Amino acid sequence: MFAARSVLIFALLPLFAGCQMLASTPDKPSTAGMTRLQGDLIGENGQLLFQPCNQQRRYVVTDVGSTSVLQEAASLATRQGKLFADLRGKFVPNTTPGADGQLSLQQMYRVERPGPGAACDDPNFKRLTIRAYGNTPAWNVNVSGKGLVLERQGKDDLAVPYLEEQLPDGRFNLSTQANGQDVELWIAPQRCVDMADGSVQHLTAELRVNGTVQRGCAYYGGSRDD
């Protein structure tokens, strides 16, 4: 049986990452007319370009939402100058030299070095509503519309229903007390830096299992339109 309100699945991947909470992000404007896409960030000729997954089009990024994407990209860029990014904004065709248009960037969900698990190669991304993860010991949480599965390093998987509660200031809480376990996941709209690889997510997470607290980062999956 699923809990009333929201019933989701947690599925954990063995990521070893430390996270640092940074300043809260401001209230987000309406997303009307905006599109969320994943793809590559590329520095070229003094410009930051975005190339969506499985597309050849490239867009010059204009950071109208003050997301600090330029600073994040500069600190994370590999020698090849390419990063994975999950962004929302307005994509406008134009005649910008060396590009197919312009991205007026409003929201940055995450910026990461390319690698396994990036949304371009992640078959589960579109069904997820939340993904959260942390370290010491490693834990990783996937949330969808089907239930809750929790995995932690050195522990058996835990599959249970859960309840979602909305809180002030864009925060929310996912909780369950099934199977003799007291599990809570607290999500807040604060930028989070993964101290293991420098990647940046737009949410912080706190996992509490039977009173034990672990902190980490989180971001919205493809099926949550926030």
N, C-alpha and C. Protein backbone atom coordinates (compact mmCIF):
# COMPACT_ATOMS: atom_id res chain seq x y z
N MET A 1 0.85 -1.20 0.00
CA MET A 1 0.00 0.00 0.00
C MET A 1 0.87 1.24 0.00
N PHE A 2 0.42 2.26 -0.72
CA PHE A 2 1.16 3.50 -0.77
C PHE A 2 0.58 4.49 0.21
N ALA A 3 1.43 5.36 0.76
CA ALA A 3 0.95 6.39 1.69
C ALA A 3 0.16 7.44 0.93
N ALA A 4 -0.77 8.13 1.65
CA ALA A 4 -1.54 9.21 1.04
C ALA A 4 -0.61 10.35 0.69
N ARG A 5 -1.06 11.20 -0.19
CA ARG A 5 -0.34 12.35 -0.72
C ARG A 5 0.70 11.93 -1.74
N SER A 6 1.90 11.57 -1.38
CA SER A 6 2.91 11.23 -2.37
C SER A 6 3.58 9.93 -2.00
N VAL A 7 3.69 9.03 -2.97
CA VAL A 7 4.35 7.76 -2.75
C VAL A 7 5.45 7.62 -3.78
N LEU A 8 6.67 7.44 -3.35
CA LEU A 8 7.82 7.52 -4.23
C LEU A 8 8.81 6.41 -3.95
N ILE A 9 9.83 6.26 -4.82
CA ILE A 9 10.86 5.23 -4.62
C ILE A 9 12.21 5.87 -4.41
N PHE A 10 12.95 5.36 -3.42
CA PHE A 10 14.35 5.73 -3.24
C PHE A 10 15.17 4.55 -3.73
N ALA A 11 16.14 4.81 -4.63
CA ALA A 11 17.07 3.75 -5.05
C ALA A 11 18.45 4.34 -4.99
N LEU A 12 19.33 3.73 -4.23
CA LEU A 12 20.63 4.34 -3.96
C LEU A 12 21.74 3.79 -4.81
N LEU A 13 22.64 4.66 -5.23
CA LEU A 13 23.84 4.27 -5.95
C LEU A 13 25.02 4.52 -5.03
N PRO A 14 26.09 3.71 -5.12
CA PRO A 14 27.21 3.84 -4.18
C PRO A 14 28.12 5.00 -4.53
N LEU A 15 27.68 6.20 -4.26
CA LEU A 15 28.48 7.38 -4.50
C LEU A 15 29.16 7.81 -3.20
N PHE A 16 30.44 8.07 -3.28
CA PHE A 16 31.18 8.52 -2.11
C PHE A 16 31.43 10.02 -2.27
N ALA A 17 30.56 10.81 -1.64
CA ALA A 17 30.66 12.24 -1.85
C ALA A 17 30.39 12.97 -0.56
N GLY A 18 31.14 14.06 -0.35
CA GLY A 18 30.88 14.92 0.79
C GLY A 18 30.23 16.17 0.27
N CYS A 19 29.40 16.82 1.07
CA CYS A 19 28.67 17.97 0.59
C CYS A 19 28.80 19.13 1.55
N GLN A 20 28.68 20.34 0.98
CA GLN A 20 28.79 21.56 1.76
C GLN A 20 27.59 22.43 1.43
N MET A 21 26.88 22.91 2.43
CA MET A 21 25.74 23.77 2.21
C MET A 21 26.21 25.20 2.00
N LEU A 22 25.61 25.84 0.99
CA LEU A 22 25.93 27.24 0.71
C LEU A 22 24.68 28.08 0.90
N ALA A 23 24.75 29.34 0.49
CA ALA A 23 23.66 30.27 0.75
C ALA A 23 22.39 29.85 0.03
N SER A 24 21.25 30.22 0.60
CA SER A 24 19.97 29.88 0.02
C SER A 24 19.81 30.58 -1.32
N THR A 25 19.13 29.91 -2.26
CA THR A 25 18.82 30.52 -3.52
C THR A 25 17.59 31.39 -3.36
N PRO A 26 17.44 32.46 -4.17
CA PRO A 26 16.27 33.30 -4.07
C PRO A 26 15.04 32.59 -4.61
N ASP A 27 13.85 33.16 -4.34
CA ASP A 27 12.62 32.59 -4.85
C ASP A 27 12.68 32.53 -6.37
N LYS A 28 12.21 31.43 -6.94
CA LYS A 28 12.27 31.26 -8.38
C LYS A 28 11.08 31.92 -9.04
N PRO A 29 11.28 32.58 -10.21
CA PRO A 29 10.16 33.14 -10.94
C PRO A 29 9.38 32.04 -11.64
N SER A 30 8.29 32.42 -12.29
CA SER A 30 7.50 31.45 -13.05
C SER A 30 8.36 30.80 -14.13
N THR A 31 8.09 29.51 -14.37
CA THR A 31 8.83 28.79 -15.40
C THR A 31 8.10 28.81 -16.75
N ALA A 32 7.06 29.61 -16.85
CA ALA A 32 6.29 29.70 -18.10
C ALA A 32 7.21 30.11 -19.24
N GLY A 33 7.12 29.39 -20.35
CA GLY A 33 7.92 29.70 -21.52
C GLY A 33 9.34 29.21 -21.45
N MET A 34 9.69 28.51 -20.36
CA MET A 34 11.06 28.01 -20.19
C MET A 34 11.11 26.51 -20.43
N THR A 35 12.28 26.03 -20.78
CA THR A 35 12.50 24.61 -21.05
C THR A 35 13.66 24.12 -20.21
N ARG A 36 13.49 22.90 -19.66
CA ARG A 36 14.59 22.28 -18.93
C ARG A 36 15.26 21.24 -19.83
N LEU A 37 16.58 21.35 -19.96
CA LEU A 37 17.34 20.42 -20.79
C LEU A 37 18.64 20.06 -20.10
N GLN A 38 19.17 18.90 -20.46
CA GLN A 38 20.48 18.47 -19.98
C GLN A 38 21.42 18.41 -21.18
N GLY A 39 22.71 18.61 -20.92
CA GLY A 39 23.67 18.56 -22.01
C GLY A 39 25.05 19.00 -21.56
N ASP A 40 25.85 19.44 -22.53
CA ASP A 40 27.23 19.83 -22.28
C ASP A 40 27.38 21.34 -22.21
N LEU A 41 28.17 21.79 -21.24
CA LEU A 41 28.64 23.18 -21.20
C LEU A 41 30.04 23.20 -21.80
N ILE A 42 30.26 24.14 -22.70
CA ILE A 42 31.54 24.19 -23.42
C ILE A 42 32.04 25.63 -23.42
N GLY A 43 33.27 25.84 -22.98
CA GLY A 43 33.90 27.15 -23.07
C GLY A 43 34.62 27.28 -24.40
N GLU A 44 34.28 28.33 -25.14
CA GLU A 44 34.87 28.48 -26.47
C GLU A 44 34.90 29.94 -26.88
N ASN A 45 36.09 30.44 -27.25
CA ASN A 45 36.24 31.81 -27.74
C ASN A 45 35.66 32.85 -26.77
N GLY A 46 35.89 32.62 -25.49
CA GLY A 46 35.44 33.57 -24.49
C GLY A 46 33.97 33.51 -24.18
N GLN A 47 33.25 32.50 -24.72
CA GLN A 47 31.83 32.34 -24.45
C GLN A 47 31.56 30.99 -23.80
N LEU A 48 30.45 30.91 -23.07
CA LEU A 48 30.00 29.64 -22.52
C LEU A 48 28.84 29.15 -23.38
N LEU A 49 29.00 27.98 -23.99
CA LEU A 49 27.99 27.41 -24.87
C LEU A 49 27.33 26.20 -24.22
N PHE A 50 26.05 25.99 -24.53
CA PHE A 50 25.32 24.83 -24.04
C PHE A 50 24.83 24.02 -25.23
N GLN A 51 25.17 22.72 -25.25
CA GLN A 51 24.73 21.81 -26.30
C GLN A 51 23.86 20.72 -25.67
N PRO A 52 22.54 20.74 -25.92
CA PRO A 52 21.65 19.75 -25.30
C PRO A 52 22.00 18.32 -25.71
N CYS A 53 21.63 17.37 -24.85
CA CYS A 53 21.88 15.96 -25.12
C CYS A 53 21.31 15.57 -26.48
N ASN A 54 22.10 14.81 -27.23
CA ASN A 54 21.68 14.23 -28.50
C ASN A 54 21.26 15.28 -29.53
N GLN A 55 21.81 16.48 -29.40
CA GLN A 55 21.56 17.54 -30.38
C GLN A 55 22.89 18.12 -30.86
N GLN A 56 22.84 18.70 -32.06
CA GLN A 56 24.01 19.39 -32.59
C GLN A 56 23.95 20.89 -32.34
N ARG A 57 22.78 21.40 -31.98
CA ARG A 57 22.63 22.84 -31.76
C ARG A 57 23.42 23.29 -30.52
N ARG A 58 23.97 24.47 -30.59
CA ARG A 58 24.71 25.05 -29.47
C ARG A 58 24.17 26.46 -29.20
N TYR A 59 24.03 26.78 -27.91
CA TYR A 59 23.43 28.05 -27.51
C TYR A 59 24.40 28.82 -26.62
N VAL A 60 24.56 30.10 -26.90
CA VAL A 60 25.35 30.97 -26.03
C VAL A 60 24.57 31.20 -24.74
N VAL A 61 25.21 30.99 -23.60
CA VAL A 61 24.53 31.10 -22.31
C VAL A 61 24.60 32.54 -21.80
N THR A 62 23.44 33.09 -21.49
CA THR A 62 23.33 34.38 -20.82
C THR A 62 22.68 34.14 -19.47
N ASP A 63 23.38 34.46 -18.40
CA ASP A 63 22.94 34.10 -17.04
C ASP A 63 22.00 35.16 -16.48
N VAL A 64 20.77 35.21 -17.00
CA VAL A 64 19.81 36.23 -16.55
C VAL A 64 19.30 35.94 -15.14
N GLY A 65 19.40 34.68 -14.70
CA GLY A 65 18.91 34.32 -13.37
C GLY A 65 19.95 34.40 -12.28
N SER A 66 21.13 34.95 -12.59
CA SER A 66 22.22 35.08 -11.61
C SER A 66 22.51 33.75 -10.93
N THR A 67 22.69 32.69 -11.72
CA THR A 67 22.93 31.35 -11.18
C THR A 67 24.40 31.10 -10.86
N SER A 68 25.29 32.00 -11.25
CA SER A 68 26.74 31.84 -11.07
C SER A 68 27.29 30.69 -11.90
N VAL A 69 26.63 30.37 -13.01
CA VAL A 69 27.07 29.24 -13.83
C VAL A 69 28.47 29.47 -14.40
N LEU A 70 28.83 30.71 -14.70
CA LEU A 70 30.17 30.97 -15.24
C LEU A 70 31.25 30.62 -14.24
N GLN A 71 31.05 31.01 -12.98
CA GLN A 71 32.03 30.69 -11.95
C GLN A 71 32.09 29.19 -11.68
N GLU A 72 30.92 28.54 -11.66
CA GLU A 72 30.89 27.10 -11.42
C GLU A 72 31.60 26.37 -12.55
N ALA A 73 31.35 26.77 -13.78
CA ALA A 73 31.97 26.11 -14.93
C ALA A 73 33.48 26.31 -14.92
N ALA A 74 33.92 27.50 -14.56
CA ALA A 74 35.36 27.76 -14.54
C ALA A 74 36.07 26.91 -13.51
N SER A 75 35.44 26.67 -12.37
CA SER A 75 36.08 25.90 -11.31
C SER A 75 36.05 24.40 -11.57
N LEU A 76 35.12 23.93 -12.42
CA LEU A 76 34.95 22.50 -12.65
C LEU A 76 35.53 22.01 -13.98
N ALA A 77 35.79 22.93 -14.90
CA ALA A 77 36.12 22.54 -16.27
C ALA A 77 37.32 21.61 -16.33
N THR A 78 37.20 20.59 -17.17
CA THR A 78 38.31 19.67 -17.44
C THR A 78 39.23 20.30 -18.48
N ARG A 79 40.30 19.61 -18.81
CA ARG A 79 41.21 20.12 -19.83
C ARG A 79 40.50 20.27 -21.18
N GLN A 80 39.49 19.43 -21.41
CA GLN A 80 38.74 19.53 -22.65
C GLN A 80 37.71 20.67 -22.60
N GLY A 81 37.56 21.29 -21.43
CA GLY A 81 36.65 22.41 -21.30
C GLY A 81 35.20 22.06 -21.41
N LYS A 82 34.81 20.82 -21.07
CA LYS A 82 33.43 20.38 -21.23
C LYS A 82 32.89 19.87 -19.89
N LEU A 83 31.63 20.24 -19.60
CA LEU A 83 30.95 19.82 -18.37
C LEU A 83 29.56 19.32 -18.69
N PHE A 84 28.99 18.52 -17.80
CA PHE A 84 27.58 18.15 -17.91
C PHE A 84 26.77 19.16 -17.10
N ALA A 85 25.63 19.58 -17.66
CA ALA A 85 24.78 20.56 -16.97
C ALA A 85 23.31 20.22 -17.14
N ASP A 86 22.53 20.61 -16.15
CA ASP A 86 21.08 20.42 -16.12
C ASP A 86 20.50 21.81 -15.87
N LEU A 87 19.87 22.40 -16.89
CA LEU A 87 19.54 23.82 -16.86
C LEU A 87 18.10 24.07 -17.30
N ARG A 88 17.55 25.22 -16.87
CA ARG A 88 16.24 25.68 -17.36
C ARG A 88 16.34 27.14 -17.79
N GLY A 89 15.73 27.44 -18.91
CA GLY A 89 15.70 28.81 -19.39
C GLY A 89 14.96 28.91 -20.70
N LYS A 90 15.10 30.06 -21.37
CA LYS A 90 14.47 30.29 -22.67
C LYS A 90 15.51 30.11 -23.77
N PHE A 91 15.20 29.23 -24.71
CA PHE A 91 16.09 28.96 -25.83
C PHE A 91 15.58 29.75 -27.03
N VAL A 92 16.39 30.68 -27.49
CA VAL A 92 15.97 31.60 -28.55
C VAL A 92 16.91 31.46 -29.74
N PRO A 93 16.41 31.09 -30.93
CA PRO A 93 17.27 31.06 -32.12
C PRO A 93 17.73 32.47 -32.48
N ASN A 94 18.98 32.59 -32.92
CA ASN A 94 19.48 33.87 -33.41
C ASN A 94 20.69 33.62 -34.30
N THR A 95 21.35 34.66 -34.66
CA THR A 95 22.50 34.55 -35.58
C THR A 95 23.81 34.80 -34.87
N THR A 96 23.89 34.45 -33.59
CA THR A 96 25.13 34.63 -32.84
C THR A 96 26.25 33.86 -33.51
N PRO A 97 27.37 34.50 -33.82
CA PRO A 97 28.47 33.80 -34.48
C PRO A 97 28.93 32.58 -33.68
N GLY A 98 29.07 31.44 -34.36
CA GLY A 98 29.55 30.22 -33.70
C GLY A 98 28.51 29.50 -32.89
N ALA A 99 27.23 29.91 -32.98
CA ALA A 99 26.17 29.27 -32.19
C ALA A 99 24.88 29.28 -32.99
N ASP A 100 23.91 28.48 -32.51
CA ASP A 100 22.60 28.39 -33.17
C ASP A 100 21.54 29.22 -32.47
N GLY A 101 21.89 29.83 -31.36
CA GLY A 101 20.92 30.62 -30.64
C GLY A 101 21.45 31.03 -29.28
N GLN A 102 20.55 31.48 -28.43
CA GLN A 102 20.92 31.95 -27.10
C GLN A 102 20.06 31.28 -26.05
N LEU A 103 20.68 30.91 -24.93
CA LEU A 103 19.97 30.40 -23.76
C LEU A 103 19.96 31.47 -22.69
N SER A 104 18.77 32.01 -22.42
CA SER A 104 18.62 32.93 -21.29
C SER A 104 18.40 32.06 -20.05
N LEU A 105 19.47 31.80 -19.34
CA LEU A 105 19.46 30.83 -18.23
C LEU A 105 18.79 31.41 -17.00
N GLN A 106 17.79 30.68 -16.49
CA GLN A 106 17.09 31.13 -15.29
C GLN A 106 17.39 30.27 -14.08
N GLN A 107 17.58 28.95 -14.27
CA GLN A 107 17.80 28.06 -13.14
C GLN A 107 18.84 27.00 -13.49
N MET A 108 19.76 26.77 -12.57
CA MET A 108 20.78 25.73 -12.71
C MET A 108 20.48 24.64 -11.70
N TYR A 109 20.13 23.43 -12.19
CA TYR A 109 19.86 22.31 -11.30
C TYR A 109 21.14 21.64 -10.85
N ARG A 110 22.09 21.49 -11.76
CA ARG A 110 23.38 20.89 -11.39
C ARG A 110 24.40 21.12 -12.50
N VAL A 111 25.65 21.13 -12.09
CA VAL A 111 26.78 21.18 -13.01
C VAL A 111 27.80 20.17 -12.51
N GLU A 112 28.23 19.26 -13.40
CA GLU A 112 29.11 18.16 -13.02
C GLU A 112 30.15 17.92 -14.10
N ARG A 113 31.26 17.32 -13.70
CA ARG A 113 32.18 16.81 -14.70
C ARG A 113 31.52 15.63 -15.41
N PRO A 114 31.77 15.46 -16.71
CA PRO A 114 31.15 14.34 -17.43
C PRO A 114 31.54 13.00 -16.82
N GLY A 115 30.62 12.04 -16.85
CA GLY A 115 30.92 10.72 -16.32
C GLY A 115 29.67 9.88 -16.22
N PRO A 116 29.79 8.65 -15.74
CA PRO A 116 28.63 7.77 -15.58
C PRO A 116 27.58 8.40 -14.68
N GLY A 117 26.32 8.22 -15.02
CA GLY A 117 25.24 8.75 -14.21
C GLY A 117 24.70 10.08 -14.69
N ALA A 118 25.40 10.73 -15.64
CA ALA A 118 24.88 11.97 -16.19
C ALA A 118 23.56 11.68 -16.90
N ALA A 119 22.66 12.67 -16.92
CA ALA A 119 21.30 12.43 -17.40
C ALA A 119 21.25 11.99 -18.85
N CYS A 120 22.20 12.39 -19.68
CA CYS A 120 22.20 11.95 -21.07
C CYS A 120 22.26 10.43 -21.17
N ASP A 121 22.90 9.78 -20.22
CA ASP A 121 23.07 8.33 -20.23
C ASP A 121 22.28 7.62 -19.14
N ASP A 122 21.46 8.35 -18.40
CA ASP A 122 20.74 7.79 -17.26
C ASP A 122 19.33 7.40 -17.67
N PRO A 123 19.04 6.10 -17.81
CA PRO A 123 17.71 5.68 -18.25
C PRO A 123 16.62 5.96 -17.22
N ASN A 124 17.00 6.22 -15.97
CA ASN A 124 16.01 6.43 -14.91
C ASN A 124 15.68 7.90 -14.67
N PHE A 125 16.45 8.81 -15.29
CA PHE A 125 16.30 10.22 -14.95
C PHE A 125 14.88 10.75 -15.18
N LYS A 126 14.27 10.38 -16.29
CA LYS A 126 12.97 10.95 -16.64
C LYS A 126 11.87 10.55 -15.66
N ARG A 127 12.00 9.40 -15.01
CA ARG A 127 10.95 8.96 -14.09
C ARG A 127 11.16 9.47 -12.66
N LEU A 128 12.33 10.04 -12.38
CA LEU A 128 12.64 10.48 -11.03
C LEU A 128 12.00 11.81 -10.70
N THR A 129 11.63 11.98 -9.43
CA THR A 129 11.23 13.28 -8.93
C THR A 129 12.33 13.92 -8.09
N ILE A 130 13.07 13.10 -7.34
CA ILE A 130 14.17 13.60 -6.52
C ILE A 130 15.30 12.58 -6.55
N ARG A 131 16.52 13.08 -6.61
CA ARG A 131 17.69 12.24 -6.33
C ARG A 131 18.52 12.96 -5.26
N ALA A 132 18.89 12.21 -4.23
CA ALA A 132 19.71 12.77 -3.14
C ALA A 132 20.82 11.79 -2.82
N TYR A 133 21.95 12.30 -2.35
CA TYR A 133 23.08 11.43 -2.03
C TYR A 133 24.01 12.11 -1.05
N GLY A 134 24.84 11.29 -0.41
CA GLY A 134 25.81 11.82 0.55
C GLY A 134 26.88 10.78 0.83
N ASN A 135 27.61 10.96 1.92
CA ASN A 135 28.76 10.10 2.20
C ASN A 135 28.89 9.79 3.68
N THR A 136 29.90 8.97 3.98
CA THR A 136 30.37 8.66 5.34
C THR A 136 29.28 8.12 6.26
N PRO A 137 28.77 6.91 5.99
CA PRO A 137 29.01 6.08 4.81
C PRO A 137 28.16 6.52 3.63
N ALA A 138 28.48 6.01 2.43
CA ALA A 138 27.81 6.45 1.21
C ALA A 138 26.33 6.09 1.21
N TRP A 139 25.50 7.02 0.73
CA TRP A 139 24.08 6.76 0.51
C TRP A 139 23.64 7.54 -0.72
N ASN A 140 22.67 7.01 -1.42
CA ASN A 140 22.15 7.68 -2.61
C ASN A 140 20.67 7.35 -2.72
N VAL A 141 19.86 8.33 -3.02
CA VAL A 141 18.41 8.18 -2.99
C VAL A 141 17.81 8.59 -4.34
N ASN A 142 17.01 7.70 -4.92
CA ASN A 142 16.20 8.05 -6.09
C ASN A 142 14.74 8.03 -5.69
N VAL A 143 13.99 9.02 -6.14
CA VAL A 143 12.58 9.15 -5.80
C VAL A 143 11.75 9.20 -7.08
N SER A 144 10.74 8.32 -7.19
CA SER A 144 9.83 8.34 -8.32
C SER A 144 8.41 8.22 -7.82
N GLY A 145 7.46 7.96 -8.72
CA GLY A 145 6.07 7.88 -8.32
C GLY A 145 5.60 6.48 -7.95
N LYS A 146 6.51 5.57 -7.64
CA LYS A 146 6.12 4.18 -7.41
C LYS A 146 6.36 3.67 -6.00
N GLY A 147 7.14 4.31 -5.19
CA GLY A 147 7.43 3.82 -3.85
C GLY A 147 8.77 4.34 -3.35
N LEU A 148 9.32 3.74 -2.33
CA LEU A 148 10.57 4.20 -1.71
C LEU A 148 11.51 3.01 -1.49
N VAL A 149 12.72 3.12 -2.01
CA VAL A 149 13.76 2.13 -1.74
C VAL A 149 14.99 2.87 -1.25
N LEU A 150 15.49 2.51 -0.09
CA LEU A 150 16.65 3.16 0.50
C LEU A 150 17.81 2.18 0.55
N GLU A 151 18.95 2.59 0.02
CA GLU A 151 20.17 1.79 0.10
C GLU A 151 21.26 2.60 0.78
N ARG A 152 22.01 1.93 1.64
CA ARG A 152 23.14 2.58 2.31
C ARG A 152 24.31 1.60 2.31
N GLN A 153 25.49 2.14 2.31
CA GLN A 153 26.69 1.30 2.32
C GLN A 153 26.68 0.38 3.53
N GLY A 154 26.83 -0.93 3.27
CA GLY A 154 26.88 -1.90 4.35
C GLY A 154 25.54 -2.28 4.94
N LYS A 155 24.44 -1.79 4.33
CA LYS A 155 23.10 -2.08 4.85
C LYS A 155 22.26 -2.75 3.78
N ASP A 156 21.25 -3.52 4.21
CA ASP A 156 20.29 -4.08 3.27
C ASP A 156 19.40 -2.98 2.71
N ASP A 157 18.94 -3.18 1.48
CA ASP A 157 17.99 -2.24 0.89
C ASP A 157 16.71 -2.20 1.71
N LEU A 158 16.09 -1.04 1.75
CA LEU A 158 14.84 -0.86 2.48
C LEU A 158 13.78 -0.34 1.52
N ALA A 159 12.71 -1.11 1.30
CA ALA A 159 11.63 -0.72 0.40
C ALA A 159 10.36 -0.49 1.21
N VAL A 160 9.90 0.77 1.25
CA VAL A 160 8.72 1.14 2.06
C VAL A 160 7.97 2.29 1.40
N PRO A 161 6.68 2.46 1.71
CA PRO A 161 5.95 3.67 1.27
C PRO A 161 6.36 4.87 2.11
N TYR A 162 6.06 6.07 1.65
CA TYR A 162 6.37 7.25 2.46
C TYR A 162 5.39 8.38 2.18
N LEU A 163 5.42 9.36 3.05
CA LEU A 163 4.54 10.51 3.01
C LEU A 163 5.37 11.77 2.76
N GLU A 164 4.88 12.65 1.89
CA GLU A 164 5.57 13.92 1.64
C GLU A 164 4.82 15.06 2.31
N GLU A 165 5.56 15.92 2.98
CA GLU A 165 4.97 17.09 3.64
C GLU A 165 5.67 18.35 3.15
N GLN A 166 4.90 19.29 2.63
CA GLN A 166 5.44 20.56 2.19
C GLN A 166 5.65 21.50 3.39
N LEU A 167 6.75 22.21 3.39
CA LEU A 167 7.12 23.11 4.48
C LEU A 167 7.36 24.51 3.94
N PRO A 168 7.46 25.52 4.81
CA PRO A 168 7.70 26.88 4.33
C PRO A 168 9.03 27.02 3.59
N ASP A 169 9.14 28.10 2.80
CA ASP A 169 10.39 28.48 2.13
C ASP A 169 10.87 27.43 1.13
N GLY A 170 9.94 26.68 0.53
CA GLY A 170 10.31 25.73 -0.50
C GLY A 170 10.90 24.43 0.02
N ARG A 171 10.91 24.21 1.33
CA ARG A 171 11.43 22.98 1.91
C ARG A 171 10.34 21.90 1.92
N PHE A 172 10.73 20.65 1.97
CA PHE A 172 9.76 19.56 2.16
C PHE A 172 10.45 18.37 2.80
N ASN A 173 9.60 17.48 3.30
CA ASN A 173 10.06 16.34 4.08
C ASN A 173 9.41 15.07 3.57
N LEU A 174 10.19 14.01 3.37
CA LEU A 174 9.69 12.69 3.00
C LEU A 174 9.93 11.77 4.19
N SER A 175 8.91 11.01 4.60
CA SER A 175 9.08 10.21 5.82
C SER A 175 8.30 8.91 5.74
N THR A 176 8.76 7.93 6.52
CA THR A 176 8.07 6.65 6.67
C THR A 176 8.47 6.03 8.01
N GLN A 177 7.56 5.25 8.56
CA GLN A 177 7.86 4.48 9.77
C GLN A 177 7.53 3.00 9.55
N ALA A 178 7.59 2.57 8.30
CA ALA A 178 7.25 1.19 7.96
C ALA A 178 8.41 0.25 8.25
N ASN A 179 8.11 -1.04 8.39
CA ASN A 179 9.12 -2.09 8.60
C ASN A 179 10.02 -1.83 9.81
N GLY A 180 9.47 -1.15 10.81
CA GLY A 180 10.23 -0.89 12.02
C GLY A 180 11.33 0.14 11.87
N GLN A 181 11.33 0.85 10.75
CA GLN A 181 12.35 1.86 10.50
C GLN A 181 11.71 3.25 10.53
N ASP A 182 12.41 4.21 11.11
CA ASP A 182 11.98 5.60 11.12
C ASP A 182 12.90 6.37 10.18
N VAL A 183 12.40 6.66 8.96
CA VAL A 183 13.23 7.26 7.91
C VAL A 183 12.64 8.61 7.52
N GLU A 184 13.51 9.62 7.45
CA GLU A 184 13.10 10.95 7.00
C GLU A 184 14.16 11.49 6.03
N LEU A 185 13.70 12.15 4.98
CA LEU A 185 14.58 12.88 4.08
C LEU A 185 14.10 14.32 4.01
N TRP A 186 14.94 15.24 4.45
CA TRP A 186 14.61 16.66 4.47
C TRP A 186 15.33 17.34 3.31
N ILE A 187 14.58 18.09 2.50
CA ILE A 187 15.12 18.76 1.32
C ILE A 187 14.93 20.26 1.47
N ALA A 188 15.96 21.04 1.15
CA ALA A 188 15.88 22.50 1.24
C ALA A 188 16.47 23.12 -0.02
N PRO A 189 15.92 24.25 -0.49
CA PRO A 189 16.41 24.91 -1.70
C PRO A 189 17.68 25.72 -1.44
N GLN A 190 18.76 25.03 -1.16
CA GLN A 190 20.06 25.65 -0.95
C GLN A 190 21.07 24.97 -1.86
N ARG A 191 21.93 25.76 -2.47
CA ARG A 191 22.95 25.18 -3.33
C ARG A 191 23.91 24.33 -2.50
N CYS A 192 24.30 23.20 -3.07
CA CYS A 192 25.13 22.23 -2.37
C CYS A 192 26.31 21.83 -3.25
N VAL A 193 27.49 21.83 -2.69
CA VAL A 193 28.70 21.45 -3.41
C VAL A 193 29.17 20.09 -2.91
N ASP A 194 29.35 19.16 -3.84
CA ASP A 194 29.90 17.84 -3.53
C ASP A 194 31.40 17.98 -3.34
N MET A 195 31.87 17.80 -2.12
CA MET A 195 33.27 18.03 -1.82
C MET A 195 34.19 16.97 -2.43
N ALA A 196 33.62 15.85 -2.88
CA ALA A 196 34.44 14.81 -3.48
C ALA A 196 34.88 15.17 -4.90
N ASP A 197 33.98 15.81 -5.67
CA ASP A 197 34.34 16.11 -7.06
C ASP A 197 34.02 17.54 -7.48
N GLY A 198 33.48 18.34 -6.56
CA GLY A 198 33.21 19.74 -6.87
C GLY A 198 31.90 20.00 -7.59
N SER A 199 31.13 18.96 -7.92
CA SER A 199 29.87 19.16 -8.62
C SER A 199 28.90 19.95 -7.76
N VAL A 200 27.98 20.65 -8.43
CA VAL A 200 27.05 21.55 -7.74
C VAL A 200 25.62 21.12 -8.02
N GLN A 201 24.82 20.99 -6.97
CA GLN A 201 23.39 20.71 -7.08
C GLN A 201 22.61 21.86 -6.46
N HIS A 202 21.34 21.97 -6.81
CA HIS A 202 20.56 23.13 -6.37
C HIS A 202 19.81 22.90 -5.06
N LEU A 203 19.93 21.70 -4.47
CA LEU A 203 19.23 21.39 -3.22
C LEU A 203 20.19 20.74 -2.22
N THR A 204 19.93 20.96 -0.94
CA THR A 204 20.62 20.20 0.10
C THR A 204 19.67 19.14 0.65
N ALA A 205 20.26 18.07 1.18
CA ALA A 205 19.47 16.97 1.71
C ALA A 205 20.01 16.55 3.07
N GLU A 206 19.09 16.09 3.92
CA GLU A 206 19.48 15.51 5.20
C GLU A 206 18.70 14.23 5.40
N LEU A 207 19.40 13.11 5.51
CA LEU A 207 18.79 11.80 5.70
C LEU A 207 18.87 11.43 7.18
N ARG A 208 17.73 11.05 7.75
CA ARG A 208 17.67 10.63 9.15
C ARG A 208 17.08 9.22 9.20
N VAL A 209 17.83 8.27 9.71
CA VAL A 209 17.37 6.89 9.83
C VAL A 209 17.51 6.47 11.29
N ASN A 210 16.38 6.29 11.97
CA ASN A 210 16.37 5.89 13.38
C ASN A 210 17.25 6.82 14.23
N GLY A 211 17.17 8.11 13.92
CA GLY A 211 17.89 9.11 14.70
C GLY A 211 19.29 9.42 14.21
N THR A 212 19.85 8.61 13.30
CA THR A 212 21.17 8.87 12.75
C THR A 212 21.05 9.82 11.57
N VAL A 213 21.84 10.90 11.59
CA VAL A 213 21.72 11.97 10.58
C VAL A 213 22.91 11.93 9.63
N GLN A 214 22.62 12.00 8.33
CA GLN A 214 23.65 12.16 7.30
C GLN A 214 23.21 13.27 6.36
N ARG A 215 24.17 14.08 5.93
CA ARG A 215 23.85 15.21 5.07
C ARG A 215 24.41 15.00 3.67
N GLY A 216 23.76 15.64 2.70
CA GLY A 216 24.18 15.48 1.32
C GLY A 216 23.55 16.51 0.41
N CYS A 217 23.61 16.22 -0.89
CA CYS A 217 23.07 17.10 -1.93
C CYS A 217 21.91 16.42 -2.63
N ALA A 218 21.12 17.21 -3.38
CA ALA A 218 19.98 16.67 -4.08
C ALA A 218 19.64 17.55 -5.28
N TYR A 219 18.87 16.96 -6.21
CA TYR A 219 18.33 17.74 -7.34
C TYR A 219 17.04 17.08 -7.81
N TYR A 220 16.21 17.88 -8.49
CA TYR A 220 14.96 17.36 -9.01
C TYR A 220 15.22 16.47 -10.23
N GLY A 221 14.50 15.34 -10.28
CA GLY A 221 14.54 14.49 -11.46
C GLY A 221 13.69 15.04 -12.58
N GLY A 222 13.66 14.29 -13.69
CA GLY A 222 12.98 14.78 -14.87
C GLY A 222 11.47 14.83 -14.78
N SER A 223 10.86 14.14 -13.81
CA SER A 223 9.41 14.14 -13.71
C SER A 223 8.87 15.13 -12.69
N ARG A 224 9.75 15.97 -12.15
CA ARG A 224 9.29 17.03 -11.24
C ARG A 224 9.54 18.37 -11.90
N ASP A 225 8.49 19.11 -12.16
CA ASP A 225 8.58 20.34 -12.95
C ASP A 225 8.63 21.56 -12.04
N ASP A 226 9.66 21.66 -11.21
CA ASP A 226 9.85 22.81 -10.32
C ASP A 226 10.98 23.69 -10.85
